[in-house]
Amino acid sequence: MDMRHLQYFLEVAHWKSFTKAAQALYITQPTISKMIKNLEEELGVILFDRIGKRIELTDAGAVLLTQAQHIVKSFDDMTSHLDELMKVKRGRIRIGLPPMVGSNFFPRVIGKFREEYPGITLQLFEDGSKKVESEVGAGELDIGVILLPTNDELFESFSFVKQRLMLVVHPSHPLAESKEASLIDLKDDSFLLFHEDFALHDRIIEECERLGFIPDVVYKSSQWDFISEMVAANLGIALLPEAICRELDSKRLRTIPLTNPMIPWHLAMIWRKDSYLSFAAREWIAFTQNMLQHPVQ
């Protein structure tokens, strides 16, 4: 048995499919099937139940799964440590970014980082804050940007944006010329929200319910620019962060400070406390912390 046997086994267990596992590993299906068969013969157990095209772990497979995950993680950690000892400035970082965060805060940071570390590959995954946090917690992402608060027992973090939500309305809206707005004033409006994967979705609904009403949500999207266009078409109102509101067309939309309640939009970069961080990931954290917390004016 070598490390490849365990890595191939973990892929098959993850996908529950020899075909999908082979595609993920860029090898042929006969190759991965042979590796799993060799592993079963060496261990003297059956690892997967084949039920038509579907496969499931046997009891023995479930036992191996837990042990294989620990072994492969230890092996990966060892190779990462060895890379650092050799001062090899290369690697890959998997970073989760909510769409509205990535477009506003990270293009310049990523460009500067690439100049300094051309050998480090950044893999960016755009998802809502809740999904990003979940995937960092599960080890599927190395680092993520999320909307605070977060689980301080599970994650290390640093905060780099402290803003609030603004009300965005069509110019014909009764509050369009107001200097400030209260959330309760919007109880009869149609709301345009982000999808459930976004922390803002729950945050806004919770605040509405706290005030005694359930918002009439007519549309949900993962794209802030589409939401703003829906407002411009007079299809509803939206609550968007200050950074986004600065980019909106003031002729087609009006933005009003939401003061009662003031809903914070505080962003942080997170990573797991108990997870080994590669050289590349640690450099990214230090680099972005310096740039985002001490921006050059």
C-alpha atoms as a PDB file:
ATOM      1  CA  MET A   1       0.000   0.000   0.000  1.00  0.00           C
ATOM      2  CA  ASP A   2       1.268   3.467  -0.827  1.00  0.00           C
ATOM      3  CA  MET A   3      -0.166   6.959  -0.381  1.00  0.00           C
ATOM      4  CA  ARG A   4      -1.810   6.903  -3.810  1.00  0.00           C
ATOM      5  CA  HIS A   5      -3.991   3.956  -2.764  1.00  0.00           C
ATOM      6  CA  LEU A   6      -5.389   5.987   0.127  1.00  0.00           C
ATOM      7  CA  GLN A   7      -5.774   9.167  -1.950  1.00  0.00           C
ATOM      8  CA  TYR A   8      -7.663   7.266  -4.646  1.00  0.00           C
ATOM      9  CA  PHE A   9      -9.817   5.558  -2.007  1.00  0.00           C
ATOM     10  CA  LEU A  10     -10.726   8.938  -0.475  1.00  0.00           C
ATOM     11  CA  GLU A  11     -11.729  10.332  -3.867  1.00  0.00           C
ATOM     12  CA  VAL A  12     -14.008   7.380  -4.593  1.00  0.00           C
ATOM     13  CA  ALA A  13     -15.530   7.666  -1.114  1.00  0.00           C
ATOM     14  CA  HIS A  14     -16.089  11.400  -1.646  1.00  0.00           C
ATOM     15  CA  TRP A  15     -17.737  11.106  -5.068  1.00  0.00           C
ATOM     16  CA  LYS A  16     -19.381   7.700  -4.467  1.00  0.00           C
ATOM     17  CA  SER A  17     -18.463   7.002  -8.064  1.00  0.00           C
ATOM     18  CA  PHE A  18     -15.417   5.487  -9.750  1.00  0.00           C
ATOM     19  CA  THR A  19     -16.118   7.540 -12.870  1.00  0.00           C
ATOM     20  CA  LYS A  20     -16.307  10.904 -11.071  1.00  0.00           C
ATOM     21  CA  ALA A  21     -13.284  10.083  -8.910  1.00  0.00           C
ATOM     22  CA  ALA A  22     -11.252   9.192 -11.998  1.00  0.00           C
ATOM     23  CA  GLN A  23     -12.274  12.468 -13.658  1.00  0.00           C
ATOM     24  CA  ALA A  24     -11.302  14.457 -10.553  1.00  0.00           C
ATOM     25  CA  LEU A  25      -7.883  12.755 -10.470  1.00  0.00           C
ATOM     26  CA  TYR A  26      -7.364  12.989 -14.253  1.00  0.00           C
ATOM     27  CA  ILE A  27      -6.818   9.224 -14.578  1.00  0.00           C
ATOM     28  CA  THR A  28      -8.745   6.450 -16.298  1.00  0.00           C
ATOM     29  CA  GLN A  29     -11.524   4.539 -14.555  1.00  0.00           C
ATOM     30  CA  PRO A  30      -9.788   1.146 -15.027  1.00  0.00           C
ATOM     31  CA  THR A  31      -6.714   2.554 -13.262  1.00  0.00           C
ATOM     32  CA  ILE A  32      -8.635   3.687 -10.165  1.00  0.00           C
ATOM     33  CA  SER A  33     -10.715   0.483 -10.117  1.00  0.00           C
ATOM     34  CA  LYS A  34      -7.527  -1.575 -10.176  1.00  0.00           C
ATOM     35  CA  MET A  35      -5.986   0.483  -7.352  1.00  0.00           C
ATOM     36  CA  ILE A  36      -9.064  -0.005  -5.150  1.00  0.00           C
ATOM     37  CA  LYS A  37      -9.117  -3.746  -5.941  1.00  0.00           C
ATOM     38  CA  ASN A  38      -5.422  -4.023  -4.998  1.00  0.00           C
ATOM     39  CA  LEU A  39      -6.120  -2.192  -1.756  1.00  0.00           C
ATOM     40  CA  GLU A  40      -9.042  -4.503  -0.919  1.00  0.00           C
ATOM     41  CA  GLU A  41      -6.912  -7.583  -1.620  1.00  0.00           C
ATOM     42  CA  GLU A  42      -4.048  -6.281   0.512  1.00  0.00           C
ATOM     43  CA  LEU A  43      -6.350  -5.479   3.446  1.00  0.00           C
ATOM     44  CA  GLY A  44      -8.489  -8.569   2.978  1.00  0.00           C
ATOM     45  CA  VAL A  45     -11.773  -6.653   3.106  1.00  0.00           C
ATOM     46  CA  ILE A  46     -14.380  -5.226   0.746  1.00  0.00           C
ATOM     47  CA  LEU A  47     -14.388  -1.417   0.898  1.00  0.00           C
ATOM     48  CA  PHE A  48     -17.348  -0.573  -1.343  1.00  0.00           C
ATOM     49  CA  ASP A  49     -20.743  -2.100  -2.041  1.00  0.00           C
ATOM     50  CA  ARG A  50     -21.482  -1.888  -5.761  1.00  0.00           C
ATOM     51  CA  ILE A  51     -25.231  -1.314  -6.235  1.00  0.00           C
ATOM     52  CA  GLY A  52     -25.726  -0.811  -9.952  1.00  0.00           C
ATOM     53  CA  LYS A  53     -23.979   2.443 -10.843  1.00  0.00           C
ATOM     54  CA  ARG A  54     -24.067   3.601  -7.234  1.00  0.00           C
ATOM     55  CA  ILE A  55     -21.516   2.638  -4.609  1.00  0.00           C
ATOM     56  CA  GLU A  56     -21.538   2.915  -0.819  1.00  0.00           C
ATOM     57  CA  LEU A  57     -18.890   2.347   1.832  1.00  0.00           C
ATOM     58  CA  THR A  58     -18.990  -0.973   3.658  1.00  0.00           C
ATOM     59  CA  ASP A  59     -18.387  -1.095   7.404  1.00  0.00           C
ATOM     60  CA  ALA A  60     -14.728  -1.813   6.681  1.00  0.00           C
ATOM     61  CA  GLY A  61     -14.649   1.083   4.218  1.00  0.00           C
ATOM     62  CA  ALA A  62     -16.042   3.438   6.865  1.00  0.00           C
ATOM     63  CA  VAL A  63     -13.264   2.409   9.282  1.00  0.00           C
ATOM     64  CA  LEU A  64     -10.591   2.957   6.623  1.00  0.00           C
ATOM     65  CA  LEU A  65     -12.116   6.328   5.672  1.00  0.00           C
ATOM     66  CA  THR A  66     -11.471   7.835   9.107  1.00  0.00           C
ATOM     67  CA  GLN A  67      -7.914   6.491   9.288  1.00  0.00           C
ATOM     68  CA  ALA A  68      -7.088   7.384   5.678  1.00  0.00           C
ATOM     69  CA  GLN A  69      -8.167  10.998   6.196  1.00  0.00           C
ATOM     70  CA  HIS A  70      -5.763  11.325   9.144  1.00  0.00           C
ATOM     71  CA  ILE A  71      -2.906   9.610   7.283  1.00  0.00           C
ATOM     72  CA  VAL A  72      -3.275  11.691   4.102  1.00  0.00           C
ATOM     73  CA  LYS A  73      -3.577  14.919   6.113  1.00  0.00           C
ATOM     74  CA  SER A  74      -0.407  14.047   8.076  1.00  0.00           C
ATOM     75  CA  PHE A  75       1.385  13.272   4.828  1.00  0.00           C
ATOM     76  CA  ASP A  76       0.269  16.584   3.284  1.00  0.00           C
ATOM     77  CA  ASP A  77       1.378  18.465   6.395  1.00  0.00           C
ATOM     78  CA  MET A  78       4.779  16.758   6.271  1.00  0.00           C
ATOM     79  CA  THR A  79       5.363  17.680   2.635  1.00  0.00           C
ATOM     80  CA  SER A  80       4.305  21.269   3.347  1.00  0.00           C
ATOM     81  CA  HIS A  81       6.800  21.483   6.201  1.00  0.00           C
ATOM     82  CA  LEU A  82       9.537  20.101   3.955  1.00  0.00           C
ATOM     83  CA  ASP A  83       8.725  22.696   1.296  1.00  0.00           C
ATOM     84  CA  GLU A  84       9.146  25.427   3.871  1.00  0.00           C
ATOM     85  CA  LEU A  85      12.473  24.000   5.032  1.00  0.00           C
ATOM     86  CA  MET A  86      13.682  24.201   1.447  1.00  0.00           C
ATOM     87  CA  LYS A  87      12.374  27.790   1.188  1.00  0.00           C
ATOM     88  CA  VAL A  88      10.307  26.958  -1.867  1.00  0.00           C
ATOM     89  CA  LYS A  89       7.990  29.914  -2.397  1.00  0.00           C
ATOM     90  CA  ARG A  90       5.337  28.146  -4.376  1.00  0.00           C
ATOM     91  CA  GLY A  91       2.014  26.573  -3.653  1.00  0.00           C
ATOM     92  CA  ARG A  92      -1.737  26.925  -3.966  1.00  0.00           C
ATOM     93  CA  ILE A  93      -4.225  28.807  -1.796  1.00  0.00           C
ATOM     94  CA  ARG A  94      -7.967  28.133  -1.937  1.00  0.00           C
ATOM     95  CA  ILE A  95      -9.781  31.343  -1.008  1.00  0.00           C
ATOM     96  CA  GLY A  96     -13.535  31.883  -0.614  1.00  0.00           C
ATOM     97  CA  LEU A  97     -14.924  35.336  -1.388  1.00  0.00           C
ATOM     98  CA  PRO A  98     -18.517  36.609  -1.406  1.00  0.00           C
ATOM     99  CA  PRO A  99     -19.108  38.195  -4.849  1.00  0.00           C
ATOM    100  CA  MET A 100     -19.595  41.779  -3.646  1.00  0.00           C
ATOM    101  CA  VAL A 101     -16.455  41.562  -1.484  1.00  0.00           C
ATOM    102  CA  GLY A 102     -14.160  40.265  -4.205  1.00  0.00           C
ATOM    103  CA  SER A 103     -14.980  42.929  -6.749  1.00  0.00           C
ATOM    104  CA  ASN A 104     -14.593  45.823  -4.315  1.00  0.00           C
ATOM    105  CA  PHE A 105     -11.617  44.996  -2.131  1.00  0.00           C
ATOM    106  CA  PHE A 106      -9.406  42.353  -3.692  1.00  0.00           C
ATOM    107  CA  PRO A 107      -8.383  43.031  -7.335  1.00  0.00           C
ATOM    108  CA  ARG A 108      -5.584  45.415  -6.269  1.00  0.00           C
ATOM    109  CA  VAL A 109      -4.505  43.136  -3.411  1.00  0.00           C
ATOM    110  CA  ILE A 110      -4.384  40.089  -5.677  1.00  0.00           C
ATOM    111  CA  GLY A 111      -2.403  41.995  -8.296  1.00  0.00           C
ATOM    112  CA  LYS A 112       0.215  43.125  -5.767  1.00  0.00           C
ATOM    113  CA  PHE A 113       0.451  39.633  -4.257  1.00  0.00           C
ATOM    114  CA  ARG A 114       1.010  38.085  -7.688  1.00  0.00           C
ATOM    115  CA  GLU A 115       3.849  40.544  -8.323  1.00  0.00           C
ATOM    116  CA  GLU A 116       5.559  39.505  -5.094  1.00  0.00           C
ATOM    117  CA  TYR A 117       4.821  35.774  -5.242  1.00  0.00           C
ATOM    118  CA  PRO A 118       4.493  34.721  -8.905  1.00  0.00           C
ATOM    119  CA  GLY A 119       4.913  31.051  -7.984  1.00  0.00           C
ATOM    120  CA  ILE A 120       1.859  30.931  -5.726  1.00  0.00           C
ATOM    121  CA  THR A 121      -1.462  30.044  -7.360  1.00  0.00           C
ATOM    122  CA  LEU A 122      -4.616  31.664  -5.987  1.00  0.00           C
ATOM    123  CA  GLN A 123      -7.798  29.671  -6.526  1.00  0.00           C
ATOM    124  CA  LEU A 124     -10.779  31.941  -5.897  1.00  0.00           C
ATOM    125  CA  PHE A 125     -14.243  30.559  -5.136  1.00  0.00           C
ATOM    126  CA  GLU A 126     -17.198  32.962  -5.090  1.00  0.00           C
ATOM    127  CA  ASP A 127     -19.961  32.044  -2.662  1.00  0.00           C
ATOM    128  CA  GLY A 128     -22.092  33.585   0.035  1.00  0.00           C
ATOM    129  CA  SER A 129     -20.562  34.249   3.451  1.00  0.00           C
ATOM    130  CA  LYS A 130     -22.332  31.329   5.141  1.00  0.00           C
ATOM    131  CA  LYS A 131     -21.088  28.807   2.591  1.00  0.00           C
ATOM    132  CA  VAL A 132     -17.563  30.233   2.653  1.00  0.00           C
ATOM    133  CA  GLU A 133     -17.443  29.925   6.454  1.00  0.00           C
ATOM    134  CA  SER A 134     -18.745  26.352   6.283  1.00  0.00           C
ATOM    135  CA  GLU A 135     -16.180  25.313   3.673  1.00  0.00           C
ATOM    136  CA  VAL A 136     -13.267  26.864   5.595  1.00  0.00           C
ATOM    137  CA  GLY A 137     -14.498  24.985   8.660  1.00  0.00           C
ATOM    138  CA  ALA A 138     -14.632  21.733   6.671  1.00  0.00           C
ATOM    139  CA  GLY A 139     -11.133  22.233   5.263  1.00  0.00           C
ATOM    140  CA  GLU A 140     -12.370  22.598   1.686  1.00  0.00           C
ATOM    141  CA  LEU A 141     -11.029  26.161   1.596  1.00  0.00           C
ATOM    142  CA  ASP A 142      -7.826  27.412   3.224  1.00  0.00           C
ATOM    143  CA  ILE A 143      -9.002  30.964   3.851  1.00  0.00           C
ATOM    144  CA  GLY A 144     -12.298  32.823   3.517  1.00  0.00           C
ATOM    145  CA  VAL A 145     -13.822  36.264   3.775  1.00  0.00           C
ATOM    146  CA  ILE A 146     -17.040  36.349   5.776  1.00  0.00           C
ATOM    147  CA  LEU A 147     -19.513  38.695   7.385  1.00  0.00           C
ATOM    148  CA  LEU A 148     -18.957  38.953  11.142  1.00  0.00           C
ATOM    149  CA  PRO A 149     -19.690  37.591  13.668  1.00  0.00           C
ATOM    150  CA  THR A 150     -17.930  34.249  13.318  1.00  0.00           C
ATOM    151  CA  ASN A 151     -17.057  31.309  15.569  1.00  0.00           C
ATOM    152  CA  ASP A 152     -14.001  32.509  17.502  1.00  0.00           C
ATOM    153  CA  GLU A 153     -13.415  29.053  18.971  1.00  0.00           C
ATOM    154  CA  LEU A 154     -13.018  27.547  15.506  1.00  0.00           C
ATOM    155  CA  PHE A 155     -11.428  30.364  13.503  1.00  0.00           C
ATOM    156  CA  GLU A 156      -8.567  32.819  13.641  1.00  0.00           C
ATOM    157  CA  SER A 157      -9.524  36.088  11.964  1.00  0.00           C
ATOM    158  CA  PHE A 158      -8.781  39.715  11.329  1.00  0.00           C
ATOM    159  CA  SER A 159     -11.340  42.402  10.532  1.00  0.00           C
ATOM    160  CA  PHE A 160     -10.722  44.817   7.664  1.00  0.00           C
ATOM    161  CA  VAL A 161     -14.045  46.529   6.852  1.00  0.00           C
ATOM    162  CA  LYS A 162     -16.575  48.153   9.174  1.00  0.00           C
ATOM    163  CA  GLN A 163     -19.523  49.606   7.285  1.00  0.00           C
ATOM    164  CA  ARG A 164     -23.317  49.494   7.473  1.00  0.00           C
ATOM    165  CA  LEU A 165     -26.221  48.708   5.209  1.00  0.00           C
ATOM    166  CA  MET A 166     -27.921  51.443   3.199  1.00  0.00           C
ATOM    167  CA  LEU A 167     -31.461  51.513   1.861  1.00  0.00           C
ATOM    168  CA  VAL A 168     -31.568  51.517  -1.955  1.00  0.00           C
ATOM    169  CA  VAL A 169     -34.796  52.667  -3.619  1.00  0.00           C
ATOM    170  CA  HIS A 170     -36.188  53.872  -6.932  1.00  0.00           C
ATOM    171  CA  PRO A 171     -36.310  57.707  -7.284  1.00  0.00           C
ATOM    172  CA  SER A 172     -40.116  57.560  -7.122  1.00  0.00           C
ATOM    173  CA  HIS A 173     -40.134  55.822  -3.736  1.00  0.00           C
ATOM    174  CA  PRO A 174     -41.702  57.859  -0.873  1.00  0.00           C
ATOM    175  CA  LEU A 175     -38.410  57.721   1.054  1.00  0.00           C
ATOM    176  CA  ALA A 176     -36.223  58.637  -1.920  1.00  0.00           C
ATOM    177  CA  GLU A 177     -35.428  62.149  -0.653  1.00  0.00           C
ATOM    178  CA  SER A 178     -35.211  61.234   3.039  1.00  0.00           C
ATOM    179  CA  LYS A 179     -31.999  61.845   4.975  1.00  0.00           C
ATOM    180  CA  GLU A 180     -32.415  58.586   6.884  1.00  0.00           C
ATOM    181  CA  ALA A 181     -34.815  55.641   7.081  1.00  0.00           C
ATOM    182  CA  SER A 182     -36.168  53.175   9.620  1.00  0.00           C
ATOM    183  CA  LEU A 183     -36.604  49.506   8.779  1.00  0.00           C
ATOM    184  CA  ILE A 184     -40.178  49.537  10.072  1.00  0.00           C
ATOM    185  CA  ASP A 185     -41.035  52.086   7.356  1.00  0.00           C
ATOM    186  CA  LEU A 186     -40.390  49.346   4.787  1.00  0.00           C
ATOM    187  CA  LYS A 187     -42.852  46.769   6.145  1.00  0.00           C
ATOM    188  CA  ASP A 188     -45.185  47.196   3.160  1.00  0.00           C
ATOM    189  CA  ASP A 189     -42.410  47.204   0.533  1.00  0.00           C
ATOM    190  CA  SER A 190     -41.237  44.379  -1.702  1.00  0.00           C
ATOM    191  CA  PHE A 191     -37.727  43.242  -0.726  1.00  0.00           C
ATOM    192  CA  LEU A 192     -34.929  42.168  -3.062  1.00  0.00           C
ATOM    193  CA  LEU A 193     -32.484  40.002  -1.092  1.00  0.00           C
ATOM    194  CA  PHE A 194     -29.389  37.910  -1.541  1.00  0.00           C
ATOM    195  CA  HIS A 195     -29.754  34.123  -1.583  1.00  0.00           C
ATOM    196  CA  GLU A 196     -29.824  32.066   1.625  1.00  0.00           C
ATOM    197  CA  ASP A 197     -26.082  31.295   1.313  1.00  0.00           C
ATOM    198  CA  PHE A 198     -25.431  34.951   2.126  1.00  0.00           C
ATOM    199  CA  ALA A 199     -25.310  35.998   5.785  1.00  0.00           C
ATOM    200  CA  LEU A 200     -27.089  39.251   4.855  1.00  0.00           C
ATOM    201  CA  HIS A 201     -30.188  37.264   3.891  1.00  0.00           C
ATOM    202  CA  ASP A 202     -30.694  36.008   7.446  1.00  0.00           C
ATOM    203  CA  ARG A 203     -29.500  39.232   9.067  1.00  0.00           C
ATOM    204  CA  ILE A 204     -32.117  41.362   7.285  1.00  0.00           C
ATOM    205  CA  ILE A 205     -34.980  38.938   7.878  1.00  0.00           C
ATOM    206  CA  GLU A 206     -34.061  38.620  11.562  1.00  0.00           C
ATOM    207  CA  GLU A 207     -34.140  42.411  12.001  1.00  0.00           C
ATOM    208  CA  CYS A 208     -37.528  42.641  10.263  1.00  0.00           C
ATOM    209  CA  GLU A 209     -38.988  39.898  12.441  1.00  0.00           C
ATOM    210  CA  ARG A 210     -37.591  41.573  15.546  1.00  0.00           C
ATOM    211  CA  LEU A 211     -39.624  44.639  14.575  1.00  0.00           C
ATOM    212  CA  GLY A 212     -42.745  42.540  14.168  1.00  0.00           C
ATOM    213  CA  PHE A 213     -43.097  41.950  10.435  1.00  0.00           C
ATOM    214  CA  ILE A 214     -42.055  39.363   7.848  1.00  0.00           C
ATOM    215  CA  PRO A 215     -40.620  41.013   4.729  1.00  0.00           C
ATOM    216  CA  ASP A 216     -42.280  40.358   1.384  1.00  0.00           C
ATOM    217  CA  VAL A 217     -39.309  38.917  -0.520  1.00  0.00           C
ATOM    218  CA  VAL A 218     -40.081  38.994  -4.231  1.00  0.00           C
ATOM    219  CA  TYR A 219     -36.668  38.042  -5.583  1.00  0.00           C
ATOM    220  CA  LYS A 220     -33.326  36.598  -4.419  1.00  0.00           C
ATOM    221  CA  SER A 221     -30.012  36.789  -6.245  1.00  0.00           C
ATOM    222  CA  SER A 222     -26.308  36.174  -5.696  1.00  0.00           C
ATOM    223  CA  GLN A 223     -25.321  39.309  -7.639  1.00  0.00           C
ATOM    224  CA  TRP A 224     -25.549  42.778  -6.115  1.00  0.00           C
ATOM    225  CA  ASP A 225     -25.538  44.486  -9.522  1.00  0.00           C
ATOM    226  CA  PHE A 226     -28.602  42.492 -10.608  1.00  0.00           C
ATOM    227  CA  ILE A 227     -30.371  43.394  -7.367  1.00  0.00           C
ATOM    228  CA  SER A 228     -29.633  47.094  -7.938  1.00  0.00           C
ATOM    229  CA  GLU A 229     -30.952  46.852 -11.495  1.00  0.00           C
ATOM    230  CA  MET A 230     -34.168  45.347 -10.162  1.00  0.00           C
ATOM    231  CA  VAL A 231     -34.497  48.333  -7.825  1.00  0.00           C
ATOM    232  CA  ALA A 232     -33.852  50.676 -10.757  1.00  0.00           C
ATOM    233  CA  ALA A 233     -36.721  48.931 -12.548  1.00  0.00           C
ATOM    234  CA  ASN A 234     -38.904  49.794  -9.528  1.00  0.00           C
ATOM    235  CA  LEU A 235     -39.478  46.143  -8.625  1.00  0.00           C
ATOM    236  CA  GLY A 236     -38.643  46.532  -4.946  1.00  0.00           C
ATOM    237  CA  ILE A 237     -36.175  47.909  -2.394  1.00  0.00           C
ATOM    238  CA  ALA A 238     -32.788  46.578  -1.328  1.00  0.00           C
ATOM    239  CA  LEU A 239     -30.390  46.900   1.586  1.00  0.00           C
ATOM    240  CA  LEU A 240     -26.791  47.015   0.367  1.00  0.00           C
ATOM    241  CA  PRO A 241     -23.408  47.825   1.956  1.00  0.00           C
ATOM    242  CA  GLU A 242     -21.975  51.325   1.731  1.00  0.00           C
ATOM    243  CA  ALA A 243     -19.120  50.158  -0.528  1.00  0.00           C
ATOM    244  CA  ILE A 244     -21.612  48.862  -3.094  1.00  0.00           C
ATOM    245  CA  CYS A 245     -23.802  51.948  -2.865  1.00  0.00           C
ATOM    246  CA  ARG A 246     -20.884  54.188  -3.870  1.00  0.00           C
ATOM    247  CA  GLU A 247     -20.872  52.454  -7.267  1.00  0.00           C
ATOM    248  CA  LEU A 248     -24.579  52.902  -7.976  1.00  0.00           C
ATOM    249  CA  ASP A 249     -25.972  55.375 -10.510  1.00  0.00           C
ATOM    250  CA  SER A 250     -27.391  58.258  -8.452  1.00  0.00           C
ATOM    251  CA  LYS A 251     -29.641  59.281 -11.353  1.00  0.00           C
ATOM    252  CA  ARG A 252     -31.424  55.926 -11.381  1.00  0.00           C
ATOM    253  CA  LEU A 253     -31.254  55.023  -7.700  1.00  0.00           C
ATOM    254  CA  ARG A 254     -31.355  56.691  -4.306  1.00  0.00           C
ATOM    255  CA  THR A 255     -29.390  55.497  -1.273  1.00  0.00           C
ATOM    256  CA  ILE A 256     -30.494  56.456   2.231  1.00  0.00           C
ATOM    257  CA  PRO A 257     -28.730  55.635   5.531  1.00  0.00           C
ATOM    258  CA  LEU A 258     -30.627  53.018   7.518  1.00  0.00           C
ATOM    259  CA  THR A 259     -30.483  54.254  11.113  1.00  0.00           C
ATOM    260  CA  ASN A 260     -33.157  52.372  13.006  1.00  0.00           C
ATOM    261  CA  PRO A 261     -31.750  49.830  13.371  1.00  0.00           C
ATOM    262  CA  MET A 262     -28.261  50.340  12.025  1.00  0.00           C
ATOM    263  CA  ILE A 263     -27.339  46.986  10.492  1.00  0.00           C
ATOM    264  CA  PRO A 264     -23.549  46.510  10.497  1.00  0.00           C
ATOM    265  CA  TRP A 265     -21.588  45.085   7.585  1.00  0.00           C
ATOM    266  CA  HIS A 266     -18.289  44.055   9.132  1.00  0.00           C
ATOM    267  CA  LEU A 267     -15.957  41.824   7.109  1.00  0.00           C
ATOM    268  CA  ALA A 268     -13.167  39.563   8.275  1.00  0.00           C
ATOM    269  CA  MET A 269     -10.714  37.075   6.836  1.00  0.00           C
ATOM    270  CA  ILE A 270     -10.858  33.699   8.601  1.00  0.00           C
ATOM    271  CA  TRP A 271      -8.853  30.453   8.744  1.00  0.00           C
ATOM    272  CA  ARG A 272      -9.093  27.386  10.996  1.00  0.00           C
ATOM    273  CA  LYS A 273      -7.272  27.486  14.318  1.00  0.00           C
ATOM    274  CA  ASP A 274      -6.397  23.782  14.364  1.00  0.00           C
ATOM    275  CA  SER A 275      -5.364  23.459  10.710  1.00  0.00           C
ATOM    276  CA  TYR A 276      -1.809  23.571   9.401  1.00  0.00           C
ATOM    277  CA  LEU A 277      -1.321  26.644   7.222  1.00  0.00           C
ATOM    278  CA  SER A 278       1.096  26.387   4.328  1.00  0.00           C
ATOM    279  CA  PHE A 279       3.838  28.930   3.749  1.00  0.00           C
ATOM    280  CA  ALA A 280       1.769  30.355   0.890  1.00  0.00           C
ATOM    281  CA  ALA A 281      -1.347  30.748   3.037  1.00  0.00           C
ATOM    282  CA  ARG A 282       0.568  32.419   5.866  1.00  0.00           C
ATOM    283  CA  GLU A 283       2.174  34.839   3.420  1.00  0.00           C
ATOM    284  CA  TRP A 284      -1.257  35.678   1.970  1.00  0.00           C
ATOM    285  CA  ILE A 285      -2.677  36.408   5.434  1.00  0.00           C
ATOM    286  CA  ALA A 286       0.227  38.665   6.431  1.00  0.00           C
ATOM    287  CA  PHE A 287       0.251  40.412   3.042  1.00  0.00           C
ATOM    288  CA  THR A 288      -3.483  41.090   2.902  1.00  0.00           C
ATOM    289  CA  GLN A 289      -3.667  42.106   6.551  1.00  0.00           C
ATOM    290  CA  ASN A 290      -1.051  44.765   5.917  1.00  0.00           C
ATOM    291  CA  MET A 291      -2.706  46.023   2.726  1.00  0.00           C
ATOM    292  CA  LEU A 292      -6.315  45.947   3.912  1.00  0.00           C
ATOM    293  CA  GLN A 293      -5.765  47.314   7.414  1.00  0.00           C
ATOM    294  CA  HIS A 294      -3.184  49.897   6.345  1.00  0.00           C
ATOM    295  CA  PRO A 295      -4.234  50.941   2.824  1.00  0.00           C
ATOM    296  CA  VAL A 296      -2.063  53.381   0.923  1.00  0.00           C
ATOM    297  CA  GLN A 297      -4.017  56.601   0.422  1.00  0.00           C
END
